[in-house]
Amino acid sequence: MSVILILLLASISVAALFLGAFLWSVKTGQYNDEISPPLRMLLETPISPEPPVQQGAPNSNNSIHHTQPTTKTTN
């Protein structure tokens, strides 16, 4: 029974140590991304959550199966 108590205290202290190290690293800015923002300007298209809508482009669902009939005029 005493071994379980010792292991429980040891595991809680190690977990508290890792939690303290994580909180310290977040507080001091270790997770701040300083490399990506300068590289974003090199991208050709702006980063957006939705893809851009192209005007005048055929709908991908209708472009293959539903074509407009062509009319020929004879003289």
Protein backbone atom coordinates (compact mmCIF):
# COMPACT_ATOMS: atom_id res chain seq x y z
CA MET A 1 0.00 0.00 0.00
CA SER A 2 2.85 2.37 0.75
CA VAL A 3 4.35 1.73 -2.72
CA ILE A 4 1.11 2.90 -4.36
CA LEU A 5 1.15 6.07 -2.27
CA ILE A 6 4.79 6.78 -3.17
CA LEU A 7 4.14 6.18 -6.89
CA LEU A 8 1.02 8.35 -6.78
CA LEU A 9 2.90 11.23 -5.17
CA ALA A 10 5.79 10.84 -7.61
CA SER A 11 3.49 10.83 -10.65
CA ILE A 12 1.56 13.87 -9.41
CA SER A 13 4.79 15.76 -8.77
CA VAL A 14 6.15 14.91 -12.25
CA ALA A 15 2.82 15.98 -13.83
CA ALA A 16 2.92 19.25 -11.86
CA LEU A 17 6.51 19.80 -13.01
CA PHE A 18 5.54 19.34 -16.67
CA LEU A 19 2.49 21.57 -16.26
CA GLY A 20 4.66 24.29 -14.72
CA ALA A 21 7.20 23.99 -17.55
CA PHE A 22 4.42 24.22 -20.14
CA LEU A 23 2.85 27.28 -18.52
CA TRP A 24 6.26 28.93 -18.22
CA SER A 25 7.01 28.31 -21.91
CA VAL A 26 3.66 29.77 -22.97
CA LYS A 27 4.14 32.81 -20.74
CA THR A 28 7.63 33.54 -22.08
CA GLY A 29 6.54 33.25 -25.72
CA GLN A 30 8.17 29.98 -26.71
CA TYR A 31 5.17 29.10 -28.89
CA ASN A 32 5.07 32.41 -30.78
CA ASP A 33 5.52 31.89 -34.50
CA GLU A 34 8.09 34.39 -35.72
CA ILE A 35 8.99 32.62 -38.97
CA SER A 36 5.68 32.27 -40.83
CA PRO A 37 4.48 35.92 -40.94
CA PRO A 38 7.39 37.14 -43.12
CA LEU A 39 6.91 34.16 -45.44
CA ARG A 40 3.19 34.81 -45.92
CA MET A 41 3.90 37.78 -48.16
CA LEU A 42 5.60 35.43 -50.62
CA LEU A 43 2.38 33.54 -51.28
CA GLU A 44 0.62 34.46 -54.50
CA THR A 45 -2.91 34.16 -53.18
CA PRO A 46 -4.21 35.58 -49.92
CA ILE A 47 -4.99 33.12 -47.17
CA SER A 48 -8.74 32.85 -46.75
CA PRO A 49 -10.96 30.26 -45.10
CA GLU A 50 -13.11 29.86 -48.24
CA PRO A 51 -11.90 29.33 -51.80
CA PRO A 52 -12.41 32.32 -54.10
CA VAL A 53 -15.45 32.27 -56.37
CA GLN A 54 -14.64 32.77 -60.03
CA GLN A 55 -17.21 34.67 -62.02
CA GLY A 56 -18.02 33.41 -65.47
CA ALA A 57 -16.50 30.00 -64.88
CA PRO A 58 -18.73 27.04 -65.74
CA ASN A 59 -20.15 25.04 -62.91
CA SER A 60 -18.19 21.81 -62.58
CA ASN A 61 -21.42 19.82 -62.19
CA ASN A 62 -22.95 21.17 -65.38
CA SER A 63 -19.95 21.64 -67.65
CA ILE A 64 -19.57 18.04 -68.80
CA HIS A 65 -23.12 16.72 -69.06
CA HIS A 66 -25.12 19.81 -69.93
CA THR A 67 -23.67 21.63 -72.90
CA GLN A 68 -25.35 24.41 -74.78
CA PRO A 69 -26.58 23.41 -78.25
CA THR A 70 -24.74 25.06 -81.08
CA THR A 71 -26.65 26.55 -83.99
CA LYS A 72 -25.28 26.63 -87.50
CA THR A 73 -26.55 29.06 -90.08
CA THR A 74 -26.49 28.12 -93.72
CA ASN A 75 -26.46 30.68 -96.50
